[in-house]
Amino acid sequence: MTELILIRHGETDWNVEKRLQGHHDITLNAEGERQARALAQRLKCESFDAIYSSDLQRAYLTAQAIATACDKPIQKEAGLRERCFGIFEGFLHPELAQRYPDHYAALQRRDVDARYPRGEFECETLTEFNARSLECVARIAASGHRRALLVTHGGVLDCVYRRATGMALNLPRSFEVLNASLNHVTWEDDQVVILKWADIAHLAQGALDEIDQAH
């Protein structure tokens, strides 16, 4: 059995604006950097065998803060990237509703086989993204680690939660996927169990005040 600590990257300006990021390589904003330092403080005394990170910089920079505090190397893993949304990336939701009403309606109803028009990158369907994400996480879980830390994206966390609970991909999200949150699961063969989800105790105001004073 492997325990996985899954972390969504820290905040970006596009998170604040609610722009679809996908494979666009957006960096952390000042609050995201602060959240990464808070994660590092929270985890520096934790024991784990490896750190994996999406190769997109918003995740990698979050992982880097933790890796520095824990004196661990980072293994980049493109399989932990966010879903690619094709032409949708960079747009706000109201803009998408106006420009691409039919495709946006498919996004809203979580059509698992919808493929939006190509933008800078080719879009993944939700089915393809789910398969890619879970294959990557399962492969890491089978790598012989007792405990591993994965810094990734909201979409990947969504897939893992649904895998653990049996919740269908096309159902609306009814659980939280938070920036800089800690999400613990055990993964053994086909059995995935959630131990803790959406833990942001390290982002409480008092904890952040301590981070600011130390920085």
N, C-alpha and C. Protein backbone atom coordinates (compact mmCIF):
# COMPACT_ATOMS: atom_id res chain seq x y z
N MET A 1 0.84 -1.20 0.00
CA MET A 1 0.00 0.00 0.00
C MET A 1 0.88 1.25 0.00
N THR A 2 0.52 2.21 -0.84
CA THR A 2 1.25 3.47 -0.93
C THR A 2 0.35 4.61 -0.48
N GLU A 3 0.87 5.47 0.37
CA GLU A 3 0.14 6.70 0.70
C GLU A 3 0.62 7.80 -0.22
N LEU A 4 -0.31 8.45 -0.86
CA LEU A 4 -0.01 9.58 -1.74
C LEU A 4 -0.54 10.86 -1.12
N ILE A 5 0.32 11.87 -1.08
CA ILE A 5 -0.09 13.21 -0.65
C ILE A 5 -0.18 14.05 -1.92
N LEU A 6 -1.40 14.35 -2.33
CA LEU A 6 -1.64 15.09 -3.56
C LEU A 6 -1.87 16.55 -3.22
N ILE A 7 -1.16 17.42 -3.92
CA ILE A 7 -1.22 18.86 -3.65
C ILE A 7 -1.59 19.59 -4.93
N ARG A 8 -2.59 20.45 -4.85
CA ARG A 8 -2.84 21.35 -5.98
C ARG A 8 -1.88 22.53 -5.85
N HIS A 9 -1.37 22.99 -6.98
CA HIS A 9 -0.42 24.11 -7.00
C HIS A 9 -0.99 25.35 -6.31
N GLY A 10 -0.11 26.27 -5.97
CA GLY A 10 -0.52 27.55 -5.39
C GLY A 10 -1.25 28.43 -6.40
N GLU A 11 -1.78 29.50 -5.89
CA GLU A 11 -2.63 30.39 -6.70
C GLU A 11 -1.86 31.09 -7.82
N THR A 12 -2.55 31.29 -8.94
CA THR A 12 -2.04 32.09 -10.06
C THR A 12 -3.02 33.23 -10.33
N ASP A 13 -2.58 34.20 -11.11
CA ASP A 13 -3.50 35.28 -11.49
C ASP A 13 -4.67 34.74 -12.29
N TRP A 14 -4.42 33.72 -13.09
CA TRP A 14 -5.52 33.15 -13.89
C TRP A 14 -6.52 32.42 -13.00
N ASN A 15 -6.07 31.84 -11.89
CA ASN A 15 -7.02 31.28 -10.93
C ASN A 15 -7.95 32.36 -10.40
N VAL A 16 -7.36 33.48 -10.03
CA VAL A 16 -8.14 34.58 -9.47
C VAL A 16 -9.16 35.09 -10.48
N GLU A 17 -8.73 35.21 -11.75
CA GLU A 17 -9.59 35.72 -12.80
C GLU A 17 -10.55 34.66 -13.34
N LYS A 18 -10.33 33.40 -12.94
CA LYS A 18 -11.12 32.26 -13.42
C LYS A 18 -10.96 32.04 -14.93
N ARG A 19 -9.73 32.20 -15.40
CA ARG A 19 -9.39 31.84 -16.78
C ARG A 19 -8.99 30.37 -16.82
N LEU A 20 -9.36 29.69 -17.88
CA LEU A 20 -8.95 28.30 -18.04
C LEU A 20 -7.46 28.25 -18.37
N GLN A 21 -6.70 27.51 -17.57
CA GLN A 21 -5.25 27.48 -17.74
C GLN A 21 -4.79 26.31 -18.60
N GLY A 22 -5.26 25.10 -18.27
CA GLY A 22 -4.88 23.95 -19.06
C GLY A 22 -3.38 23.78 -19.15
N HIS A 23 -2.87 23.63 -20.38
CA HIS A 23 -1.43 23.44 -20.59
C HIS A 23 -0.66 24.75 -20.70
N HIS A 24 -1.34 25.88 -20.62
CA HIS A 24 -0.62 27.16 -20.62
C HIS A 24 0.22 27.26 -19.34
N ASP A 25 1.45 27.69 -19.50
CA ASP A 25 2.43 27.61 -18.41
C ASP A 25 2.43 28.89 -17.59
N ILE A 26 1.43 29.02 -16.75
CA ILE A 26 1.22 30.23 -15.94
C ILE A 26 1.98 30.09 -14.63
N THR A 27 2.63 31.16 -14.21
CA THR A 27 3.41 31.11 -12.97
C THR A 27 2.55 31.45 -11.76
N LEU A 28 3.08 31.21 -10.57
CA LEU A 28 2.40 31.59 -9.34
C LEU A 28 2.36 33.10 -9.20
N ASN A 29 1.30 33.62 -8.59
CA ASN A 29 1.29 35.02 -8.20
C ASN A 29 1.88 35.14 -6.79
N ALA A 30 1.88 36.35 -6.24
CA ALA A 30 2.50 36.55 -4.92
C ALA A 30 1.82 35.71 -3.84
N GLU A 31 0.49 35.59 -3.92
CA GLU A 31 -0.23 34.78 -2.94
C GLU A 31 0.11 33.30 -3.12
N GLY A 32 0.26 32.86 -4.36
CA GLY A 32 0.64 31.48 -4.62
C GLY A 32 2.02 31.15 -4.07
N GLU A 33 2.96 32.09 -4.19
CA GLU A 33 4.29 31.90 -3.61
C GLU A 33 4.21 31.80 -2.09
N ARG A 34 3.37 32.61 -1.51
CA ARG A 34 3.16 32.58 -0.06
C ARG A 34 2.56 31.23 0.36
N GLN A 35 1.59 30.75 -0.41
CA GLN A 35 0.99 29.45 -0.12
C GLN A 35 2.03 28.33 -0.24
N ALA A 36 2.91 28.43 -1.23
CA ALA A 36 3.95 27.41 -1.39
C ALA A 36 4.88 27.39 -0.18
N ARG A 37 5.22 28.57 0.34
CA ARG A 37 6.07 28.63 1.53
C ARG A 37 5.35 28.02 2.74
N ALA A 38 4.03 28.25 2.81
CA ALA A 38 3.25 27.68 3.92
C ALA A 38 3.21 26.15 3.82
N LEU A 39 3.08 25.64 2.61
CA LEU A 39 3.13 24.19 2.41
C LEU A 39 4.49 23.64 2.84
N ALA A 40 5.55 24.33 2.46
CA ALA A 40 6.90 23.89 2.82
C ALA A 40 7.07 23.84 4.33
N GLN A 41 6.56 24.84 5.00
CA GLN A 41 6.64 24.89 6.46
C GLN A 41 5.87 23.72 7.07
N ARG A 42 4.70 23.45 6.52
CA ARG A 42 3.84 22.37 7.03
C ARG A 42 4.49 20.99 6.83
N LEU A 43 5.18 20.82 5.72
CA LEU A 43 5.66 19.49 5.34
C LEU A 43 7.12 19.22 5.67
N LYS A 44 7.85 20.21 6.16
CA LYS A 44 9.30 20.04 6.30
C LYS A 44 9.68 18.96 7.30
N CYS A 45 8.79 18.64 8.22
CA CYS A 45 9.09 17.57 9.18
C CYS A 45 8.41 16.26 8.82
N GLU A 46 7.71 16.23 7.69
CA GLU A 46 7.03 15.02 7.25
C GLU A 46 8.03 14.07 6.59
N SER A 47 7.73 12.79 6.61
CA SER A 47 8.58 11.79 5.97
C SER A 47 7.88 11.26 4.73
N PHE A 48 8.56 11.35 3.59
CA PHE A 48 8.07 10.73 2.36
C PHE A 48 9.26 10.38 1.49
N ASP A 49 9.03 9.45 0.57
CA ASP A 49 10.13 8.86 -0.19
C ASP A 49 10.47 9.62 -1.46
N ALA A 50 9.52 10.34 -2.01
CA ALA A 50 9.77 11.00 -3.29
C ALA A 50 8.80 12.16 -3.48
N ILE A 51 9.24 13.14 -4.29
CA ILE A 51 8.39 14.26 -4.70
C ILE A 51 8.28 14.21 -6.22
N TYR A 52 7.04 14.17 -6.69
CA TYR A 52 6.77 14.25 -8.12
C TYR A 52 6.01 15.55 -8.38
N SER A 53 6.25 16.13 -9.56
CA SER A 53 5.55 17.37 -9.91
C SER A 53 5.21 17.39 -11.39
N SER A 54 4.06 17.94 -11.69
CA SER A 54 3.76 18.35 -13.06
C SER A 54 4.90 19.24 -13.54
N ASP A 55 5.18 19.20 -14.84
CA ASP A 55 6.26 20.03 -15.38
C ASP A 55 5.82 21.46 -15.68
N LEU A 56 4.55 21.79 -15.46
CA LEU A 56 4.11 23.17 -15.62
C LEU A 56 4.56 23.98 -14.40
N GLN A 57 5.00 25.21 -14.63
CA GLN A 57 5.73 25.93 -13.58
C GLN A 57 4.89 26.26 -12.36
N ARG A 58 3.58 26.42 -12.50
CA ARG A 58 2.78 26.72 -11.30
C ARG A 58 2.83 25.55 -10.31
N ALA A 59 2.92 24.33 -10.82
CA ALA A 59 3.07 23.16 -9.95
C ALA A 59 4.54 23.00 -9.53
N TYR A 60 5.44 23.14 -10.49
CA TYR A 60 6.86 22.89 -10.20
C TYR A 60 7.40 23.88 -9.16
N LEU A 61 6.99 25.15 -9.25
CA LEU A 61 7.44 26.15 -8.28
C LEU A 61 6.89 25.85 -6.89
N THR A 62 5.66 25.34 -6.84
CA THR A 62 5.08 24.92 -5.56
C THR A 62 5.90 23.76 -4.99
N ALA A 63 6.21 22.79 -5.85
CA ALA A 63 7.01 21.63 -5.42
C ALA A 63 8.40 22.05 -4.98
N GLN A 64 8.95 23.05 -5.67
CA GLN A 64 10.32 23.48 -5.38
C GLN A 64 10.45 24.03 -3.97
N ALA A 65 9.44 24.77 -3.53
CA ALA A 65 9.47 25.30 -2.16
C ALA A 65 9.49 24.16 -1.15
N ILE A 66 8.69 23.15 -1.40
CA ILE A 66 8.63 21.99 -0.50
C ILE A 66 9.94 21.20 -0.56
N ALA A 67 10.44 20.97 -1.77
CA ALA A 67 11.66 20.19 -1.94
C ALA A 67 12.85 20.85 -1.25
N THR A 68 12.92 22.17 -1.32
CA THR A 68 14.01 22.90 -0.67
C THR A 68 13.94 22.72 0.84
N ALA A 69 12.73 22.83 1.39
CA ALA A 69 12.56 22.69 2.85
C ALA A 69 12.84 21.27 3.31
N CYS A 70 12.53 20.30 2.48
CA CYS A 70 12.67 18.88 2.87
C CYS A 70 13.94 18.24 2.36
N ASP A 71 14.72 19.00 1.58
CA ASP A 71 15.97 18.49 1.01
C ASP A 71 15.74 17.21 0.21
N LYS A 72 14.77 17.29 -0.70
CA LYS A 72 14.43 16.15 -1.57
C LYS A 72 14.47 16.61 -3.02
N PRO A 73 14.89 15.76 -3.95
CA PRO A 73 14.82 16.11 -5.38
C PRO A 73 13.39 16.03 -5.89
N ILE A 74 13.14 16.68 -7.01
CA ILE A 74 11.83 16.65 -7.66
C ILE A 74 11.93 15.83 -8.94
N GLN A 75 10.99 14.95 -9.13
CA GLN A 75 10.90 14.21 -10.39
C GLN A 75 9.76 14.81 -11.21
N LYS A 76 10.10 15.42 -12.35
CA LYS A 76 9.08 16.01 -13.21
C LYS A 76 8.28 14.92 -13.90
N GLU A 77 6.98 15.13 -13.99
CA GLU A 77 6.10 14.12 -14.58
C GLU A 77 5.01 14.83 -15.39
N ALA A 78 5.15 14.79 -16.71
CA ALA A 78 4.18 15.45 -17.59
C ALA A 78 2.79 14.84 -17.45
N GLY A 79 2.70 13.59 -17.01
CA GLY A 79 1.40 12.95 -16.82
C GLY A 79 0.57 13.60 -15.73
N LEU A 80 1.20 14.42 -14.89
CA LEU A 80 0.47 15.11 -13.82
C LEU A 80 -0.04 16.49 -14.26
N ARG A 81 0.11 16.81 -15.55
CA ARG A 81 -0.39 18.10 -16.04
C ARG A 81 -1.91 18.19 -15.95
N GLU A 82 -2.37 19.43 -15.95
CA GLU A 82 -3.80 19.72 -16.06
C GLU A 82 -4.32 19.24 -17.41
N ARG A 83 -5.62 19.09 -17.52
CA ARG A 83 -6.24 18.77 -18.82
C ARG A 83 -5.95 19.88 -19.82
N CYS A 84 -5.74 19.50 -21.08
CA CYS A 84 -5.61 20.49 -22.14
C CYS A 84 -7.00 20.81 -22.68
N PHE A 85 -7.33 22.11 -22.71
CA PHE A 85 -8.66 22.56 -23.13
C PHE A 85 -8.67 23.15 -24.54
N GLY A 86 -7.59 22.99 -25.30
CA GLY A 86 -7.58 23.50 -26.67
C GLY A 86 -7.77 25.00 -26.74
N ILE A 87 -8.66 25.43 -27.62
CA ILE A 87 -8.90 26.87 -27.85
C ILE A 87 -9.45 27.58 -26.64
N PHE A 88 -10.01 26.84 -25.67
CA PHE A 88 -10.62 27.45 -24.48
C PHE A 88 -9.59 28.11 -23.57
N GLU A 89 -8.34 27.70 -23.66
CA GLU A 89 -7.34 28.17 -22.69
C GLU A 89 -7.08 29.67 -22.84
N GLY A 90 -7.06 30.34 -21.70
CA GLY A 90 -6.83 31.77 -21.67
C GLY A 90 -8.10 32.61 -21.62
N PHE A 91 -9.24 31.96 -21.82
CA PHE A 91 -10.51 32.70 -21.84
C PHE A 91 -11.23 32.63 -20.51
N LEU A 92 -12.03 33.65 -20.22
CA LEU A 92 -12.97 33.63 -19.11
C LEU A 92 -14.22 32.87 -19.53
N HIS A 93 -14.94 32.35 -18.57
CA HIS A 93 -16.15 31.58 -18.88
C HIS A 93 -17.19 32.38 -19.66
N PRO A 94 -17.49 33.64 -19.30
CA PRO A 94 -18.46 34.40 -20.10
C PRO A 94 -18.00 34.60 -21.54
N GLU A 95 -16.69 34.74 -21.74
CA GLU A 95 -16.16 34.88 -23.11
C GLU A 95 -16.38 33.59 -23.90
N LEU A 96 -16.16 32.46 -23.26
CA LEU A 96 -16.37 31.18 -23.94
C LEU A 96 -17.84 30.97 -24.29
N ALA A 97 -18.72 31.34 -23.36
CA ALA A 97 -20.15 31.19 -23.61
C ALA A 97 -20.58 32.01 -24.83
N GLN A 98 -19.95 33.15 -25.02
CA GLN A 98 -20.30 34.03 -26.14
C GLN A 98 -19.65 33.56 -27.45
N ARG A 99 -18.39 33.16 -27.39
CA ARG A 99 -17.66 32.82 -28.62
C ARG A 99 -17.95 31.40 -29.12
N TYR A 100 -18.09 30.48 -28.18
CA TYR A 100 -18.23 29.06 -28.54
C TYR A 100 -19.40 28.46 -27.77
N PRO A 101 -20.62 28.93 -28.01
CA PRO A 101 -21.75 28.53 -27.16
C PRO A 101 -22.00 27.02 -27.13
N ASP A 102 -21.90 26.35 -28.27
CA ASP A 102 -22.18 24.91 -28.29
C ASP A 102 -21.09 24.13 -27.56
N HIS A 103 -19.85 24.45 -27.84
CA HIS A 103 -18.74 23.77 -27.15
C HIS A 103 -18.75 24.09 -25.66
N TYR A 104 -19.08 25.33 -25.31
CA TYR A 104 -19.11 25.70 -23.90
C TYR A 104 -20.22 24.95 -23.17
N ALA A 105 -21.35 24.75 -23.84
CA ALA A 105 -22.44 23.98 -23.24
C ALA A 105 -21.98 22.55 -22.94
N ALA A 106 -21.14 21.99 -23.82
CA ALA A 106 -20.60 20.65 -23.58
C ALA A 106 -19.68 20.63 -22.36
N LEU A 107 -18.91 21.71 -22.19
CA LEU A 107 -18.06 21.82 -21.00
C LEU A 107 -18.91 21.88 -19.75
N GLN A 108 -19.96 22.68 -19.79
CA GLN A 108 -20.81 22.86 -18.61
C GLN A 108 -21.53 21.58 -18.21
N ARG A 109 -21.90 20.77 -19.17
CA ARG A 109 -22.60 19.52 -18.82
C ARG A 109 -21.64 18.35 -18.63
N ARG A 110 -20.34 18.63 -18.69
CA ARG A 110 -19.29 17.63 -18.48
C ARG A 110 -19.45 16.47 -19.47
N ASP A 111 -19.60 16.82 -20.73
CA ASP A 111 -19.65 15.83 -21.79
C ASP A 111 -18.28 15.15 -21.86
N VAL A 112 -18.22 13.87 -21.55
CA VAL A 112 -16.94 13.20 -21.36
C VAL A 112 -16.18 12.97 -22.66
N ASP A 113 -16.87 13.07 -23.79
CA ASP A 113 -16.21 12.83 -25.08
C ASP A 113 -16.08 14.08 -25.93
N ALA A 114 -16.42 15.23 -25.37
CA ALA A 114 -16.33 16.50 -26.13
C ALA A 114 -14.87 16.89 -26.32
N ARG A 115 -14.56 17.28 -27.57
CA ARG A 115 -13.22 17.78 -27.87
C ARG A 115 -13.38 19.18 -28.44
N TYR A 116 -12.89 20.16 -27.72
CA TYR A 116 -13.03 21.56 -28.15
C TYR A 116 -12.01 21.84 -29.25
N PRO A 117 -12.24 22.89 -30.03
CA PRO A 117 -11.32 23.18 -31.14
C PRO A 117 -9.89 23.36 -30.65
N ARG A 118 -8.95 23.02 -31.51
CA ARG A 118 -7.54 23.15 -31.18
C ARG A 118 -7.17 24.63 -31.01
N GLY A 119 -6.36 24.91 -29.99
CA GLY A 119 -5.76 26.22 -29.82
C GLY A 119 -4.27 26.08 -30.04
N GLU A 120 -3.49 26.59 -29.09
CA GLU A 120 -2.05 26.36 -29.16
C GLU A 120 -1.74 24.88 -29.02
N PHE A 121 -2.60 24.16 -28.27
CA PHE A 121 -2.43 22.73 -28.05
C PHE A 121 -3.71 22.00 -28.43
N GLU A 122 -3.58 20.71 -28.71
CA GLU A 122 -4.72 19.87 -29.04
C GLU A 122 -5.50 19.52 -27.77
N CYS A 123 -6.81 19.69 -27.81
CA CYS A 123 -7.66 19.43 -26.64
C CYS A 123 -7.71 17.93 -26.32
N GLU A 124 -7.77 17.63 -25.03
CA GLU A 124 -8.06 16.28 -24.56
C GLU A 124 -9.53 16.18 -24.21
N THR A 125 -10.17 15.07 -24.53
CA THR A 125 -11.51 14.84 -23.99
C THR A 125 -11.37 14.54 -22.50
N LEU A 126 -12.47 14.66 -21.78
CA LEU A 126 -12.45 14.36 -20.36
C LEU A 126 -12.09 12.89 -20.13
N THR A 127 -12.58 12.02 -21.00
CA THR A 127 -12.26 10.59 -20.89
C THR A 127 -10.76 10.37 -21.06
N GLU A 128 -10.16 11.02 -22.06
CA GLU A 128 -8.72 10.88 -22.30
C GLU A 128 -7.92 11.43 -21.14
N PHE A 129 -8.31 12.59 -20.64
CA PHE A 129 -7.60 13.21 -19.53
C PHE A 129 -7.67 12.35 -18.28
N ASN A 130 -8.84 11.82 -17.99
CA ASN A 130 -9.01 10.96 -16.82
C ASN A 130 -8.11 9.73 -16.92
N ALA A 131 -8.07 9.11 -18.09
CA ALA A 131 -7.23 7.92 -18.28
C ALA A 131 -5.75 8.27 -18.12
N ARG A 132 -5.33 9.37 -18.71
CA ARG A 132 -3.93 9.79 -18.62
C ARG A 132 -3.52 10.10 -17.18
N SER A 133 -4.37 10.84 -16.48
CA SER A 133 -4.06 11.23 -15.10
C SER A 133 -3.98 10.01 -14.18
N LEU A 134 -4.98 9.14 -14.27
CA LEU A 134 -5.01 8.00 -13.36
C LEU A 134 -3.92 6.99 -13.68
N GLU A 135 -3.56 6.85 -14.95
CA GLU A 135 -2.45 5.97 -15.30
C GLU A 135 -1.17 6.47 -14.67
N CYS A 136 -0.96 7.78 -14.71
CA CYS A 136 0.25 8.36 -14.14
C CYS A 136 0.29 8.18 -12.62
N VAL A 137 -0.81 8.49 -11.95
CA VAL A 137 -0.83 8.38 -10.49
C VAL A 137 -0.69 6.91 -10.07
N ALA A 138 -1.35 6.01 -10.79
CA ALA A 138 -1.25 4.58 -10.47
C ALA A 138 0.19 4.08 -10.68
N ARG A 139 0.84 4.56 -11.72
CA ARG A 139 2.22 4.17 -11.98
C ARG A 139 3.15 4.62 -10.85
N ILE A 140 2.95 5.85 -10.37
CA ILE A 140 3.74 6.35 -9.24
C ILE A 140 3.47 5.51 -8.00
N ALA A 141 2.18 5.19 -7.77
CA ALA A 141 1.81 4.40 -6.59
C ALA A 141 2.43 3.01 -6.63
N ALA A 142 2.68 2.50 -7.83
CA ALA A 142 3.25 1.15 -7.97
C ALA A 142 4.78 1.16 -8.05
N SER A 143 5.39 2.32 -7.79
CA SER A 143 6.84 2.45 -7.95
C SER A 143 7.64 1.96 -6.75
N GLY A 144 6.95 1.46 -5.74
CA GLY A 144 7.66 0.93 -4.57
C GLY A 144 7.79 1.91 -3.43
N HIS A 145 7.22 3.10 -3.56
CA HIS A 145 7.28 4.09 -2.48
C HIS A 145 6.29 3.72 -1.37
N ARG A 146 6.70 3.97 -0.16
CA ARG A 146 5.76 3.84 0.96
C ARG A 146 4.87 5.06 1.03
N ARG A 147 5.47 6.23 0.75
CA ARG A 147 4.75 7.50 0.86
C ARG A 147 5.35 8.45 -0.16
N ALA A 148 4.53 9.04 -1.02
CA ALA A 148 5.03 9.94 -2.05
C ALA A 148 4.16 11.20 -2.11
N LEU A 149 4.80 12.28 -2.48
CA LEU A 149 4.12 13.57 -2.59
C LEU A 149 4.02 13.95 -4.06
N LEU A 150 2.83 14.31 -4.51
CA LEU A 150 2.58 14.67 -5.90
C LEU A 150 2.01 16.08 -5.97
N VAL A 151 2.70 16.97 -6.66
CA VAL A 151 2.20 18.34 -6.84
C VAL A 151 1.62 18.45 -8.24
N THR A 152 0.34 18.76 -8.31
CA THR A 152 -0.37 18.64 -9.56
C THR A 152 -1.41 19.75 -9.70
N HIS A 153 -2.55 19.44 -10.32
CA HIS A 153 -3.54 20.45 -10.70
C HIS A 153 -4.94 20.01 -10.28
N GLY A 154 -5.86 20.96 -10.31
CA GLY A 154 -7.21 20.69 -9.85
C GLY A 154 -7.90 19.57 -10.60
N GLY A 155 -7.70 19.51 -11.91
CA GLY A 155 -8.33 18.46 -12.69
C GLY A 155 -7.87 17.07 -12.32
N VAL A 156 -6.58 16.93 -12.03
CA VAL A 156 -6.04 15.63 -11.62
C VAL A 156 -6.61 15.22 -10.27
N LEU A 157 -6.69 16.16 -9.34
CA LEU A 157 -7.31 15.87 -8.04
C LEU A 157 -8.76 15.44 -8.23
N ASP A 158 -9.47 16.09 -9.13
CA ASP A 158 -10.86 15.74 -9.43
C ASP A 158 -10.94 14.27 -9.88
N CYS A 159 -10.04 13.87 -10.77
CA CYS A 159 -10.04 12.49 -11.27
C CYS A 159 -9.76 11.49 -10.15
N VAL A 160 -8.81 11.80 -9.27
CA VAL A 160 -8.47 10.89 -8.18
C VAL A 160 -9.63 10.75 -7.21
N TYR A 161 -10.28 11.86 -6.88
CA TYR A 161 -11.42 11.82 -5.96
C TYR A 161 -12.52 10.93 -6.53
N ARG A 162 -12.82 11.12 -7.81
CA ARG A 162 -13.88 10.32 -8.45
C ARG A 162 -13.47 8.85 -8.52
N ARG A 163 -12.19 8.58 -8.75
CA ARG A 163 -11.71 7.20 -8.77
C ARG A 163 -11.90 6.55 -7.41
N ALA A 164 -11.63 7.29 -6.34
CA ALA A 164 -11.74 6.74 -4.99
C ALA A 164 -13.19 6.51 -4.58
N THR A 165 -14.08 7.38 -5.00
CA THR A 165 -15.47 7.33 -4.54
C THR A 165 -16.42 6.67 -5.52
N GLY A 166 -15.95 6.43 -6.74
CA GLY A 166 -16.83 5.87 -7.76
C GLY A 166 -17.77 6.88 -8.38
N MET A 167 -17.51 8.15 -8.15
CA MET A 167 -18.36 9.21 -8.72
C MET A 167 -18.10 9.35 -10.22
N ALA A 168 -19.17 9.38 -11.00
CA ALA A 168 -19.05 9.42 -12.46
C ALA A 168 -18.43 10.73 -12.93
N LEU A 169 -17.69 10.65 -14.04
CA LEU A 169 -17.02 11.83 -14.60
C LEU A 169 -18.01 12.92 -15.02
N ASN A 170 -19.20 12.52 -15.45
CA ASN A 170 -20.13 13.50 -15.99
C ASN A 170 -20.98 14.19 -14.93
N LEU A 171 -20.83 13.79 -13.67
CA LEU A 171 -21.60 14.44 -12.61
C LEU A 171 -20.92 15.73 -12.17
N PRO A 172 -21.71 16.75 -11.81
CA PRO A 172 -21.11 18.01 -11.33
C PRO A 172 -20.24 17.76 -10.10
N ARG A 173 -19.18 18.52 -9.99
CA ARG A 173 -18.30 18.39 -8.83
C ARG A 173 -19.04 18.82 -7.57
N SER A 174 -18.99 17.97 -6.55
CA SER A 174 -19.68 18.26 -5.28
C SER A 174 -18.69 18.27 -4.12
N PHE A 175 -17.41 18.43 -4.42
CA PHE A 175 -16.35 18.41 -3.42
C PHE A 175 -15.36 19.51 -3.75
N GLU A 176 -14.54 19.86 -2.77
CA GLU A 176 -13.62 20.98 -2.95
C GLU A 176 -12.28 20.53 -3.54
N VAL A 177 -11.76 21.35 -4.42
CA VAL A 177 -10.41 21.18 -4.97
C VAL A 177 -9.73 22.54 -4.83
N LEU A 178 -8.90 22.69 -3.81
CA LEU A 178 -8.41 24.01 -3.39
C LEU A 178 -6.94 24.21 -3.71
N ASN A 179 -6.58 25.43 -4.06
CA ASN A 179 -5.17 25.76 -4.25
C ASN A 179 -4.38 25.47 -2.98
N ALA A 180 -3.21 24.86 -3.16
CA ALA A 180 -2.26 24.59 -2.07
C ALA A 180 -2.85 23.71 -0.97
N SER A 181 -3.82 22.89 -1.34
CA SER A 181 -4.42 21.97 -0.36
C SER A 181 -3.67 20.65 -0.30
N LEU A 182 -3.77 19.99 0.84
CA LEU A 182 -3.22 18.65 1.04
C LEU A 182 -4.36 17.64 0.95
N ASN A 183 -4.14 16.60 0.15
CA ASN A 183 -5.17 15.59 -0.07
C ASN A 183 -4.49 14.22 0.02
N HIS A 184 -4.85 13.44 1.04
CA HIS A 184 -4.17 12.17 1.31
C HIS A 184 -5.04 11.00 0.87
N VAL A 185 -4.44 10.09 0.10
CA VAL A 185 -5.13 8.85 -0.27
C VAL A 185 -4.17 7.68 -0.10
N THR A 186 -4.73 6.50 0.07
CA THR A 186 -3.93 5.28 -0.06
C THR A 186 -4.30 4.64 -1.39
N TRP A 187 -3.30 4.02 -2.02
CA TRP A 187 -3.50 3.43 -3.34
C TRP A 187 -2.84 2.06 -3.34
N GLU A 188 -3.65 1.03 -3.49
CA GLU A 188 -3.13 -0.34 -3.52
C GLU A 188 -3.87 -1.11 -4.60
N ASP A 189 -3.17 -1.43 -5.67
CA ASP A 189 -3.78 -2.10 -6.81
C ASP A 189 -4.98 -1.30 -7.30
N ASP A 190 -6.18 -1.86 -7.23
CA ASP A 190 -7.37 -1.16 -7.69
C ASP A 190 -8.10 -0.42 -6.58
N GLN A 191 -7.56 -0.47 -5.37
CA GLN A 191 -8.25 0.10 -4.22
C GLN A 191 -7.66 1.48 -3.88
N VAL A 192 -8.49 2.52 -3.98
CA VAL A 192 -8.08 3.88 -3.64
C VAL A 192 -8.99 4.39 -2.53
N VAL A 193 -8.38 4.83 -1.44
CA VAL A 193 -9.14 5.26 -0.26
C VAL A 193 -8.71 6.67 0.14
N ILE A 194 -9.66 7.55 0.33
CA ILE A 194 -9.36 8.92 0.78
C ILE A 194 -9.18 8.92 2.30
N LEU A 195 -8.03 9.41 2.75
CA LEU A 195 -7.76 9.56 4.17
C LEU A 195 -8.11 10.96 4.67
N LYS A 196 -7.80 11.94 3.85
CA LYS A 196 -8.06 13.35 4.20
C LYS A 196 -8.14 14.12 2.91
N TRP A 197 -9.05 15.11 2.87
CA TRP A 197 -9.23 15.85 1.62
C TRP A 197 -9.37 17.35 1.90
N ALA A 198 -8.78 18.15 1.02
CA ALA A 198 -8.91 19.61 1.06
C ALA A 198 -8.46 20.21 2.39
N ASP A 199 -7.34 19.72 2.90
CA ASP A 199 -6.76 20.22 4.15
C ASP A 199 -5.97 21.50 3.86
N ILE A 200 -6.43 22.61 4.41
CA ILE A 200 -5.74 23.89 4.23
C ILE A 200 -5.45 24.56 5.57
N ALA A 201 -5.26 23.76 6.60
CA ALA A 201 -4.97 24.33 7.93
C ALA A 201 -3.73 25.21 7.90
N HIS A 202 -2.78 24.87 7.03
CA HIS A 202 -1.53 25.64 6.92
C HIS A 202 -1.75 27.01 6.28
N LEU A 203 -2.94 27.24 5.71
CA LEU A 203 -3.25 28.53 5.10
C LEU A 203 -4.10 29.43 6.00
N ALA A 204 -4.31 28.99 7.25
CA ALA A 204 -5.02 29.83 8.21
C ALA A 204 -4.23 31.12 8.42
N GLN A 205 -4.91 32.18 8.78
CA GLN A 205 -4.27 33.49 8.85
C GLN A 205 -3.07 33.51 9.79
N GLY A 206 -3.21 32.86 10.94
CA GLY A 206 -2.09 32.83 11.88
C GLY A 206 -0.86 32.16 11.30
N ALA A 207 -1.08 31.05 10.58
CA ALA A 207 0.04 30.33 9.96
C ALA A 207 0.69 31.18 8.88
N LEU A 208 -0.12 31.88 8.09
CA LEU A 208 0.42 32.73 7.03
C LEU A 208 1.16 33.93 7.61
N ASP A 209 0.67 34.45 8.73
CA ASP A 209 1.38 35.57 9.38
C ASP A 209 2.79 35.14 9.78
N GLU A 210 2.91 33.90 10.29
CA GLU A 210 4.23 33.40 10.66
C GLU A 210 5.13 33.27 9.43
N ILE A 211 4.56 32.82 8.32
CA ILE A 211 5.32 32.71 7.07
C ILE A 211 5.81 34.08 6.63
N ASP A 212 4.94 35.08 6.71
CA ASP A 212 5.31 36.44 6.29
C ASP A 212 6.43 37.00 7.16
N GLN A 213 6.37 36.73 8.47
CA GLN A 213 7.40 37.24 9.38
C GLN A 213 8.75 36.58 9.11
N ALA A 214 8.71 35.32 8.69
CA ALA A 214 9.95 34.58 8.47
C ALA A 214 10.57 34.89 7.10
N HIS A 215 9.76 35.41 6.20
CA HIS A 215 10.22 35.61 4.82
C HIS A 215 11.02 36.90 4.69
